[in-house]
Amino acid sequence: MPGVNRASAASGRRDARHSAGLGTFGGVFTPSILTILGIILFRRLGFVVGSAGLAQALAMLALATLISVLTSVSLSAIATNRKVKGRR
């Protein structure tokens, strides 16, 4: 490349590569834990439906989803230090 120092071009690629990465937590730990928890849920769902019945199993899943959504919204509000607006 004319007019561009090779060392600066290489360091520019290195900086872009380091800043665009997800890191250990976001790129490795989180997807791994989500996969493991998803497999556990899939493996145990038949047992839960067989033991509690379909209606109670769906109620448990709805409650777990509600708790997850509320936790995510709360963490987002804390992380951004702003109120999370509702429908109003």
PDB file of N, CA and C in Angstrom:
ATOM      1  N   MET A   1       0.848  -1.176   0.000  1.00  0.00           N
ATOM      2  CA  MET A   1       0.000   0.000   0.000  1.00  0.00           C
ATOM      3  C   MET A   1       0.888   1.231   0.000  1.00  0.00           C
ATOM      4  N   PRO A   2       0.711   2.082  -0.975  1.00  0.00           N
ATOM      5  CA  PRO A   2       1.569   3.260  -1.028  1.00  0.00           C
ATOM      6  C   PRO A   2       1.207   4.252   0.075  1.00  0.00           C
ATOM      7  N   GLY A   3       2.240   4.785   0.729  1.00  0.00           N
ATOM      8  CA  GLY A   3       2.046   5.822   1.730  1.00  0.00           C
ATOM      9  C   GLY A   3       1.628   5.304   3.101  1.00  0.00           C
ATOM     10  N   VAL A   4       1.535   3.990   3.266  1.00  0.00           N
ATOM     11  CA  VAL A   4       1.134   3.435   4.556  1.00  0.00           C
ATOM     12  C   VAL A   4       2.262   2.556   5.065  1.00  0.00           C
ATOM     13  N   ASN A   5       2.668   2.827   6.252  1.00  0.00           N
ATOM     14  CA  ASN A   5       3.712   2.044   6.881  1.00  0.00           C
ATOM     15  C   ASN A   5       3.150   0.664   7.230  1.00  0.00           C
ATOM     16  N   ARG A   6       3.905  -0.387   6.918  1.00  0.00           N
ATOM     17  CA  ARG A   6       3.413  -1.743   7.192  1.00  0.00           C
ATOM     18  C   ARG A   6       3.201  -1.979   8.679  1.00  0.00           C
ATOM     19  N   ALA A   7       4.052  -1.410   9.512  1.00  0.00           N
ATOM     20  CA  ALA A   7       3.924  -1.603  10.955  1.00  0.00           C
ATOM     21  C   ALA A   7       2.626  -0.973  11.458  1.00  0.00           C
ATOM     22  N   SER A   8       2.290   0.220  10.955  1.00  0.00           N
ATOM     23  CA  SER A   8       1.054   0.867  11.401  1.00  0.00           C
ATOM     24  C   SER A   8      -0.169   0.139  10.873  1.00  0.00           C
ATOM     25  N   ALA A   9      -0.077  -0.423   9.676  1.00  0.00           N
ATOM     26  CA  ALA A   9      -1.204  -1.191   9.141  1.00  0.00           C
ATOM     27  C   ALA A   9      -1.411  -2.461   9.946  1.00  0.00           C
ATOM     28  N   ALA A  10      -0.314  -3.111  10.335  1.00  0.00           N
ATOM     29  CA  ALA A  10      -0.427  -4.328  11.141  1.00  0.00           C
ATOM     30  C   ALA A  10      -0.979  -4.017  12.525  1.00  0.00           C
ATOM     31  N   SER A  11      -0.525  -2.918  13.130  1.00  0.00           N
ATOM     32  CA  SER A  11      -1.038  -2.573  14.457  1.00  0.00           C
ATOM     33  C   SER A  11      -2.498  -2.141  14.375  1.00  0.00           C
ATOM     34  N   GLY A  12      -2.910  -1.547  13.268  1.00  0.00           N
ATOM     35  CA  GLY A  12      -4.321  -1.193  13.085  1.00  0.00           C
ATOM     36  C   GLY A  12      -5.197  -2.425  13.015  1.00  0.00           C
ATOM     37  N   ARG A  13      -4.703  -3.460  12.322  1.00  0.00           N
ATOM     38  CA  ARG A  13      -5.454  -4.727  12.276  1.00  0.00           C
ATOM     39  C   ARG A  13      -5.502  -5.371  13.654  1.00  0.00           C
ATOM     40  N   ARG A  14      -4.407  -5.302  14.381  1.00  0.00           N
ATOM     41  CA  ARG A  14      -4.356  -5.900  15.706  1.00  0.00           C
ATOM     42  C   ARG A  14      -5.315  -5.171  16.651  1.00  0.00           C
ATOM     43  N   ASP A  15      -5.360  -3.835  16.601  1.00  0.00           N
ATOM     44  CA  ASP A  15      -6.266  -3.073  17.450  1.00  0.00           C
ATOM     45  C   ASP A  15      -7.710  -3.376  17.115  1.00  0.00           C
ATOM     46  N   ALA A  16      -8.026  -3.471  15.834  1.00  0.00           N
ATOM     47  CA  ALA A  16      -9.398  -3.768  15.430  1.00  0.00           C
ATOM     48  C   ALA A  16      -9.799  -5.167  15.865  1.00  0.00           C
ATOM     49  N   ARG A  17      -8.870  -6.084  15.803  1.00  0.00           N
ATOM     50  CA  ARG A  17      -9.176  -7.458  16.195  1.00  0.00           C
ATOM     51  C   ARG A  17      -9.438  -7.539  17.700  1.00  0.00           C
ATOM     52  N   HIS A  18      -8.645  -6.818  18.507  1.00  0.00           N
ATOM     53  CA  HIS A  18      -8.832  -6.870  19.956  1.00  0.00           C
ATOM     54  C   HIS A  18     -10.089  -6.120  20.388  1.00  0.00           C
ATOM     55  N   SER A  19     -10.424  -5.030  19.760  1.00  0.00           N
ATOM     56  CA  SER A  19     -11.587  -4.256  20.183  1.00  0.00           C
ATOM     57  C   SER A  19     -12.893  -4.882  19.716  1.00  0.00           C
ATOM     58  N   ALA A  20     -12.887  -5.675  18.641  1.00  0.00           N
ATOM     59  CA  ALA A  20     -14.113  -6.258  18.119  1.00  0.00           C
ATOM     60  C   ALA A  20     -14.446  -7.588  18.783  1.00  0.00           C
ATOM     61  N   GLY A  21     -13.538  -8.183  19.554  1.00  0.00           N
ATOM     62  CA  GLY A  21     -13.766  -9.483  20.165  1.00  0.00           C
ATOM     63  C   GLY A  21     -14.746  -9.403  21.322  1.00  0.00           C
ATOM     64  N   LEU A  22     -15.327 -10.549  21.625  1.00  0.00           N
ATOM     65  CA  LEU A  22     -16.284 -10.612  22.719  1.00  0.00           C
ATOM     66  C   LEU A  22     -15.617 -10.862  24.058  1.00  0.00           C
ATOM     67  N   GLY A  23     -14.448 -11.390  24.066  1.00  0.00           N
ATOM     68  CA  GLY A  23     -13.772 -11.670  25.312  1.00  0.00           C
ATOM     69  C   GLY A  23     -14.142 -13.051  25.843  1.00  0.00           C
ATOM     70  N   THR A  24     -13.577 -13.372  26.989  1.00  0.00           N
ATOM     71  CA  THR A  24     -13.785 -14.689  27.574  1.00  0.00           C
ATOM     72  C   THR A  24     -15.209 -14.870  28.063  1.00  0.00           C
ATOM     73  N   PHE A  25     -15.740 -13.880  28.748  1.00  0.00           N
ATOM     74  CA  PHE A  25     -17.079 -14.035  29.333  1.00  0.00           C
ATOM     75  C   PHE A  25     -18.154 -14.048  28.259  1.00  0.00           C
ATOM     76  N   GLY A  26     -18.170 -13.047  27.394  1.00  0.00           N
ATOM     77  CA  GLY A  26     -19.212 -12.946  26.375  1.00  0.00           C
ATOM     78  C   GLY A  26     -19.062 -13.928  25.230  1.00  0.00           C
ATOM     79  N   GLY A  27     -17.852 -14.340  24.939  1.00  0.00           N
ATOM     80  CA  GLY A  27     -17.634 -15.197  23.786  1.00  0.00           C
ATOM     81  C   GLY A  27     -17.510 -16.676  24.094  1.00  0.00           C
ATOM     82  N   VAL A  28     -17.151 -17.013  25.345  1.00  0.00           N
ATOM     83  CA  VAL A  28     -16.940 -18.424  25.684  1.00  0.00           C
ATOM     84  C   VAL A  28     -17.881 -18.866  26.800  1.00  0.00           C
ATOM     85  N   PHE A  29     -17.829 -18.178  27.923  1.00  0.00           N
ATOM     86  CA  PHE A  29     -18.572 -18.618  29.101  1.00  0.00           C
ATOM     87  C   PHE A  29     -20.081 -18.563  28.890  1.00  0.00           C
ATOM     88  N   THR A  30     -20.600 -17.440  28.433  1.00  0.00           N
ATOM     89  CA  THR A  30     -22.048 -17.287  28.274  1.00  0.00           C
ATOM     90  C   THR A  30     -22.639 -18.282  27.278  1.00  0.00           C
ATOM     91  N   PRO A  31     -22.115 -18.424  26.061  1.00  0.00           N
ATOM     92  CA  PRO A  31     -22.700 -19.419  25.161  1.00  0.00           C
ATOM     93  C   PRO A  31     -22.601 -20.848  25.690  1.00  0.00           C
ATOM     94  N   SER A  32     -21.520 -21.160  26.385  1.00  0.00           N
ATOM     95  CA  SER A  32     -21.370 -22.509  26.932  1.00  0.00           C
ATOM     96  C   SER A  32     -22.413 -22.790  28.004  1.00  0.00           C
ATOM     97  N   ILE A  33     -22.596 -21.851  28.912  1.00  0.00           N
ATOM     98  CA  ILE A  33     -23.584 -22.028  29.981  1.00  0.00           C
ATOM     99  C   ILE A  33     -24.990 -22.091  29.401  1.00  0.00           C
ATOM    100  N   LEU A  34     -25.292 -21.256  28.422  1.00  0.00           N
ATOM    101  CA  LEU A  34     -26.616 -21.286  27.800  1.00  0.00           C
ATOM    102  C   LEU A  34     -26.876 -22.628  27.112  1.00  0.00           C
ATOM    103  N   THR A  35     -25.870 -23.176  26.479  1.00  0.00           N
ATOM    104  CA  THR A  35     -26.018 -24.483  25.841  1.00  0.00           C
ATOM    105  C   THR A  35     -26.256 -25.576  26.873  1.00  0.00           C
ATOM    106  N   ILE A  36     -25.481 -25.556  27.939  1.00  0.00           N
ATOM    107  CA  ILE A  36     -25.638 -26.572  28.984  1.00  0.00           C
ATOM    108  C   ILE A  36     -27.014 -26.481  29.627  1.00  0.00           C
ATOM    109  N   LEU A  37     -27.450 -25.272  29.964  1.00  0.00           N
ATOM    110  CA  LEU A  37     -28.770 -25.111  30.584  1.00  0.00           C
ATOM    111  C   LEU A  37     -29.888 -25.501  29.627  1.00  0.00           C
ATOM    112  N   GLY A  38     -29.729 -25.217  28.342  1.00  0.00           N
ATOM    113  CA  GLY A  38     -30.733 -25.612  27.358  1.00  0.00           C
ATOM    114  C   GLY A  38     -30.845 -27.117  27.245  1.00  0.00           C
ATOM    115  N   ILE A  39     -29.713 -27.815  27.294  1.00  0.00           N
ATOM    116  CA  ILE A  39     -29.722 -29.282  27.234  1.00  0.00           C
ATOM    117  C   ILE A  39     -30.378 -29.856  28.485  1.00  0.00           C
ATOM    118  N   ILE A  40     -30.063 -29.278  29.647  1.00  0.00           N
ATOM    119  CA  ILE A  40     -30.680 -29.754  30.882  1.00  0.00           C
ATOM    120  C   ILE A  40     -32.195 -29.565  30.830  1.00  0.00           C
ATOM    121  N   LEU A  41     -32.646 -28.414  30.358  1.00  0.00           N
ATOM    122  CA  LEU A  41     -34.086 -28.169  30.239  1.00  0.00           C
ATOM    123  C   LEU A  41     -34.723 -29.171  29.285  1.00  0.00           C
ATOM    124  N   PHE A  42     -34.105 -29.417  28.152  1.00  0.00           N
ATOM    125  CA  PHE A  42     -34.649 -30.351  27.180  1.00  0.00           C
ATOM    126  C   PHE A  42     -34.720 -31.765  27.752  1.00  0.00           C
ATOM    127  N   ARG A  43     -33.677 -32.184  28.463  1.00  0.00           N
ATOM    128  CA  ARG A  43     -33.639 -33.540  29.009  1.00  0.00           C
ATOM    129  C   ARG A  43     -34.651 -33.739  30.135  1.00  0.00           C
ATOM    130  N   ARG A  44     -34.926 -32.718  30.925  1.00  0.00           N
ATOM    131  CA  ARG A  44     -35.801 -32.857  32.083  1.00  0.00           C
ATOM    132  C   ARG A  44     -37.255 -32.499  31.785  1.00  0.00           C
ATOM    133  N   LEU A  45     -37.537 -31.969  30.628  1.00  0.00           N
ATOM    134  CA  LEU A  45     -38.891 -31.504  30.329  1.00  0.00           C
ATOM    135  C   LEU A  45     -39.887 -32.654  30.301  1.00  0.00           C
ATOM    136  N   GLY A  46     -39.522 -33.789  29.747  1.00  0.00           N
ATOM    137  CA  GLY A  46     -40.422 -34.940  29.729  1.00  0.00           C
ATOM    138  C   GLY A  46     -40.764 -35.424  31.124  1.00  0.00           C
ATOM    139  N   PHE A  47     -39.768 -35.424  32.013  1.00  0.00           N
ATOM    140  CA  PHE A  47     -40.005 -35.837  33.394  1.00  0.00           C
ATOM    141  C   PHE A  47     -40.961 -34.868  34.087  1.00  0.00           C
ATOM    142  N   VAL A  48     -40.767 -33.572  33.863  1.00  0.00           N
ATOM    143  CA  VAL A  48     -41.626 -32.562  34.492  1.00  0.00           C
ATOM    144  C   VAL A  48     -43.056 -32.696  33.985  1.00  0.00           C
ATOM    145  N   VAL A  49     -43.227 -32.863  32.695  1.00  0.00           N
ATOM    146  CA  VAL A  49     -44.573 -33.011  32.134  1.00  0.00           C
ATOM    147  C   VAL A  49     -45.213 -34.298  32.649  1.00  0.00           C
ATOM    148  N   GLY A  50     -44.445 -35.371  32.727  1.00  0.00           N
ATOM    149  CA  GLY A  50     -44.979 -36.630  33.231  1.00  0.00           C
ATOM    150  C   GLY A  50     -45.349 -36.569  34.696  1.00  0.00           C
ATOM    151  N   SER A  51     -44.604 -35.840  35.490  1.00  0.00           N
ATOM    152  CA  SER A  51     -44.853 -35.763  36.931  1.00  0.00           C
ATOM    153  C   SER A  51     -45.936 -34.752  37.283  1.00  0.00           C
ATOM    154  N   ALA A  52     -45.876 -33.576  36.676  1.00  0.00           N
ATOM    155  CA  ALA A  52     -46.780 -32.492  37.062  1.00  0.00           C
ATOM    156  C   ALA A  52     -47.992 -32.377  36.149  1.00  0.00           C
ATOM    157  N   GLY A  53     -47.887 -32.861  34.943  1.00  0.00           N
ATOM    158  CA  GLY A  53     -48.968 -32.687  33.982  1.00  0.00           C
ATOM    159  C   GLY A  53     -48.643 -31.543  33.042  1.00  0.00           C
ATOM    160  N   LEU A  54     -49.318 -31.530  31.905  1.00  0.00           N
ATOM    161  CA  LEU A  54     -49.022 -30.536  30.874  1.00  0.00           C
ATOM    162  C   LEU A  54     -49.322 -29.119  31.331  1.00  0.00           C
ATOM    163  N   ALA A  55     -50.466 -28.918  31.982  1.00  0.00           N
ATOM    164  CA  ALA A  55     -50.856 -27.563  32.401  1.00  0.00           C
ATOM    165  C   ALA A  55     -49.864 -26.989  33.406  1.00  0.00           C
ATOM    166  N   GLN A  56     -49.486 -27.783  34.402  1.00  0.00           N
ATOM    167  CA  GLN A  56     -48.540 -27.289  35.401  1.00  0.00           C
ATOM    168  C   GLN A  56     -47.142 -27.099  34.800  1.00  0.00           C
ATOM    169  N   ALA A  57     -46.755 -27.951  33.871  1.00  0.00           N
ATOM    170  CA  ALA A  57     -45.448 -27.795  33.215  1.00  0.00           C
ATOM    171  C   ALA A  57     -45.413 -26.502  32.408  1.00  0.00           C
ATOM    172  N   LEU A  58     -46.491 -26.210  31.684  1.00  0.00           N
ATOM    173  CA  LEU A  58     -46.552 -24.946  30.933  1.00  0.00           C
ATOM    174  C   LEU A  58     -46.568 -23.750  31.875  1.00  0.00           C
ATOM    175  N   ALA A  59     -47.250 -23.886  33.019  1.00  0.00           N
ATOM    176  CA  ALA A  59     -47.260 -22.797  34.003  1.00  0.00           C
ATOM    177  C   ALA A  59     -45.851 -22.559  34.557  1.00  0.00           C
ATOM    178  N   MET A  60     -45.116 -23.654  34.809  1.00  0.00           N
ATOM    179  CA  MET A  60     -43.733 -23.518  35.297  1.00  0.00           C
ATOM    180  C   MET A  60     -42.846 -22.836  34.266  1.00  0.00           C
ATOM    181  N   LEU A  61     -42.990 -23.222  33.010  1.00  0.00           N
ATOM    182  CA  LEU A  61     -42.197 -22.589  31.952  1.00  0.00           C
ATOM    183  C   LEU A  61     -42.552 -21.112  31.796  1.00  0.00           C
ATOM    184  N   ALA A  62     -43.849 -20.790  31.898  1.00  0.00           N
ATOM    185  CA  ALA A  62     -44.268 -19.389  31.807  1.00  0.00           C
ATOM    186  C   ALA A  62     -43.700 -18.580  32.970  1.00  0.00           C
ATOM    187  N   LEU A  63     -43.730 -19.141  34.172  1.00  0.00           N
ATOM    188  CA  LEU A  63     -43.179 -18.456  35.340  1.00  0.00           C
ATOM    189  C   LEU A  63     -41.671 -18.265  35.203  1.00  0.00           C
ATOM    190  N   ALA A  64     -40.972 -19.291  34.724  1.00  0.00           N
ATOM    191  CA  ALA A  64     -39.521 -19.182  34.534  1.00  0.00           C
ATOM    192  C   ALA A  64     -39.182 -18.128  33.486  1.00  0.00           C
ATOM    193  N   THR A  65     -39.989 -18.076  32.407  1.00  0.00           N
ATOM    194  CA  THR A  65     -39.772 -17.065  31.373  1.00  0.00           C
ATOM    195  C   THR A  65     -40.011 -15.669  31.916  1.00  0.00           C
ATOM    196  N   LEU A  66     -41.075 -15.507  32.711  1.00  0.00           N
ATOM    197  CA  LEU A  66     -41.378 -14.203  33.307  1.00  0.00           C
ATOM    198  C   LEU A  66     -40.245 -13.741  34.220  1.00  0.00           C
ATOM    199  N   ILE A  67     -39.736 -14.652  35.031  1.00  0.00           N
ATOM    200  CA  ILE A  67     -38.630 -14.304  35.928  1.00  0.00           C
ATOM    201  C   ILE A  67     -37.390 -13.912  35.130  1.00  0.00           C
ATOM    202  N   SER A  68     -37.100 -14.631  34.060  1.00  0.00           N
ATOM    203  CA  SER A  68     -35.935 -14.309  33.229  1.00  0.00           C
ATOM    204  C   SER A  68     -36.079 -12.950  32.564  1.00  0.00           C
ATOM    205  N   VAL A  69     -37.258 -12.657  32.044  1.00  0.00           N
ATOM    206  CA  VAL A  69     -37.487 -11.365  31.380  1.00  0.00           C
ATOM    207  C   VAL A  69     -37.378 -10.222  32.385  1.00  0.00           C
ATOM    208  N   LEU A  70     -38.009 -10.372  33.550  1.00  0.00           N
ATOM    209  CA  LEU A  70     -37.932  -9.318  34.565  1.00  0.00           C
ATOM    210  C   LEU A  70     -36.504  -9.105  35.052  1.00  0.00           C
ATOM    211  N   THR A  71     -35.752 -10.178  35.204  1.00  0.00           N
ATOM    212  CA  THR A  71     -34.350 -10.055  35.612  1.00  0.00           C
ATOM    213  C   THR A  71     -33.537  -9.338  34.547  1.00  0.00           C
ATOM    214  N   SER A  72     -33.757  -9.672  33.276  1.00  0.00           N
ATOM    215  CA  SER A  72     -33.035  -9.018  32.177  1.00  0.00           C
ATOM    216  C   SER A  72     -33.346  -7.530  32.118  1.00  0.00           C
ATOM    217  N   VAL A  73     -34.609  -7.181  32.269  1.00  0.00           N
ATOM    218  CA  VAL A  73     -34.994  -5.763  32.227  1.00  0.00           C
ATOM    219  C   VAL A  73     -34.404  -5.021  33.423  1.00  0.00           C
ATOM    220  N   SER A  74     -34.414  -5.640  34.593  1.00  0.00           N
ATOM    221  CA  SER A  74     -33.842  -5.002  35.779  1.00  0.00           C
ATOM    222  C   SER A  74     -32.341  -4.790  35.625  1.00  0.00           C
ATOM    223  N   LEU A  75     -31.648  -5.808  35.110  1.00  0.00           N
ATOM    224  CA  LEU A  75     -30.208  -5.657  34.898  1.00  0.00           C
ATOM    225  C   LEU A  75     -29.905  -4.596  33.850  1.00  0.00           C
ATOM    226  N   SER A  76     -30.745  -4.511  32.833  1.00  0.00           N
ATOM    227  CA  SER A  76     -30.551  -3.465  31.823  1.00  0.00           C
ATOM    228  C   SER A  76     -30.741  -2.088  32.427  1.00  0.00           C
ATOM    229  N   ALA A  77     -31.741  -1.953  33.287  1.00  0.00           N
ATOM    230  CA  ALA A  77     -31.982  -0.659  33.936  1.00  0.00           C
ATOM    231  C   ALA A  77     -30.818  -0.286  34.845  1.00  0.00           C
ATOM    232  N   ILE A  78     -30.289  -1.253  35.558  1.00  0.00           N
ATOM    233  CA  ILE A  78     -29.152  -0.976  36.440  1.00  0.00           C
ATOM    234  C   ILE A  78     -27.918  -0.638  35.624  1.00  0.00           C
ATOM    235  N   ALA A  79     -27.679  -1.370  34.546  1.00  0.00           N
ATOM    236  CA  ALA A  79     -26.485  -1.157  33.733  1.00  0.00           C
ATOM    237  C   ALA A  79     -26.506   0.188  33.026  1.00  0.00           C
ATOM    238  N   THR A  80     -27.674   0.621  32.585  1.00  0.00           N
ATOM    239  CA  THR A  80     -27.743   1.892  31.876  1.00  0.00           C
ATOM    240  C   THR A  80     -27.978   3.061  32.812  1.00  0.00           C
ATOM    241  N   ASN A  81     -28.335   2.767  34.075  1.00  0.00           N
ATOM    242  CA  ASN A  81     -28.592   3.797  35.077  1.00  0.00           C
ATOM    243  C   ASN A  81     -29.730   4.716  34.642  1.00  0.00           C
ATOM    244  N   ARG A  82     -30.707   4.154  33.990  1.00  0.00           N
ATOM    245  CA  ARG A  82     -31.886   4.898  33.539  1.00  0.00           C
ATOM    246  C   ARG A  82     -33.125   4.083  33.832  1.00  0.00           C
ATOM    247  N   LYS A  83     -34.268   4.755  33.836  1.00  0.00           N
ATOM    248  CA  LYS A  83     -35.523   4.045  33.992  1.00  0.00           C
ATOM    249  C   LYS A  83     -35.870   3.340  32.685  1.00  0.00           C
ATOM    250  N   VAL A  84     -36.403   2.153  32.818  1.00  0.00           N
ATOM    251  CA  VAL A  84     -36.897   1.432  31.649  1.00  0.00           C
ATOM    252  C   VAL A  84     -38.348   1.821  31.478  1.00  0.00           C
ATOM    253  N   LYS A  85     -38.658   2.462  30.358  1.00  0.00           N
ATOM    254  CA  LYS A  85     -39.999   2.984  30.142  1.00  0.00           C
ATOM    255  C   LYS A  85     -40.974   1.859  29.850  1.00  0.00           C
ATOM    256  N   GLY A  86     -42.163   2.015  30.396  1.00  0.00           N
ATOM    257  CA  GLY A  86     -43.234   1.066  30.129  1.00  0.00           C
ATOM    258  C   GLY A  86     -44.064   1.527  28.934  1.00  0.00           C
ATOM    259  N   ARG A  87     -45.322   1.178  28.932  1.00  0.00           N
ATOM    260  CA  ARG A  87     -46.194   1.514  27.809  1.00  0.00           C
ATOM    261  C   ARG A  87     -46.634   2.973  27.819  1.00  0.00           C
ATOM    262  N   ARG A  88     -46.494   3.630  28.921  1.00  0.00           N
ATOM    263  CA  ARG A  88     -46.975   5.016  29.012  1.00  0.00           C
ATOM    264  C   ARG A  88     -46.160   5.966  28.236  1.00  0.00           C
TER     265      ARG A  88
END
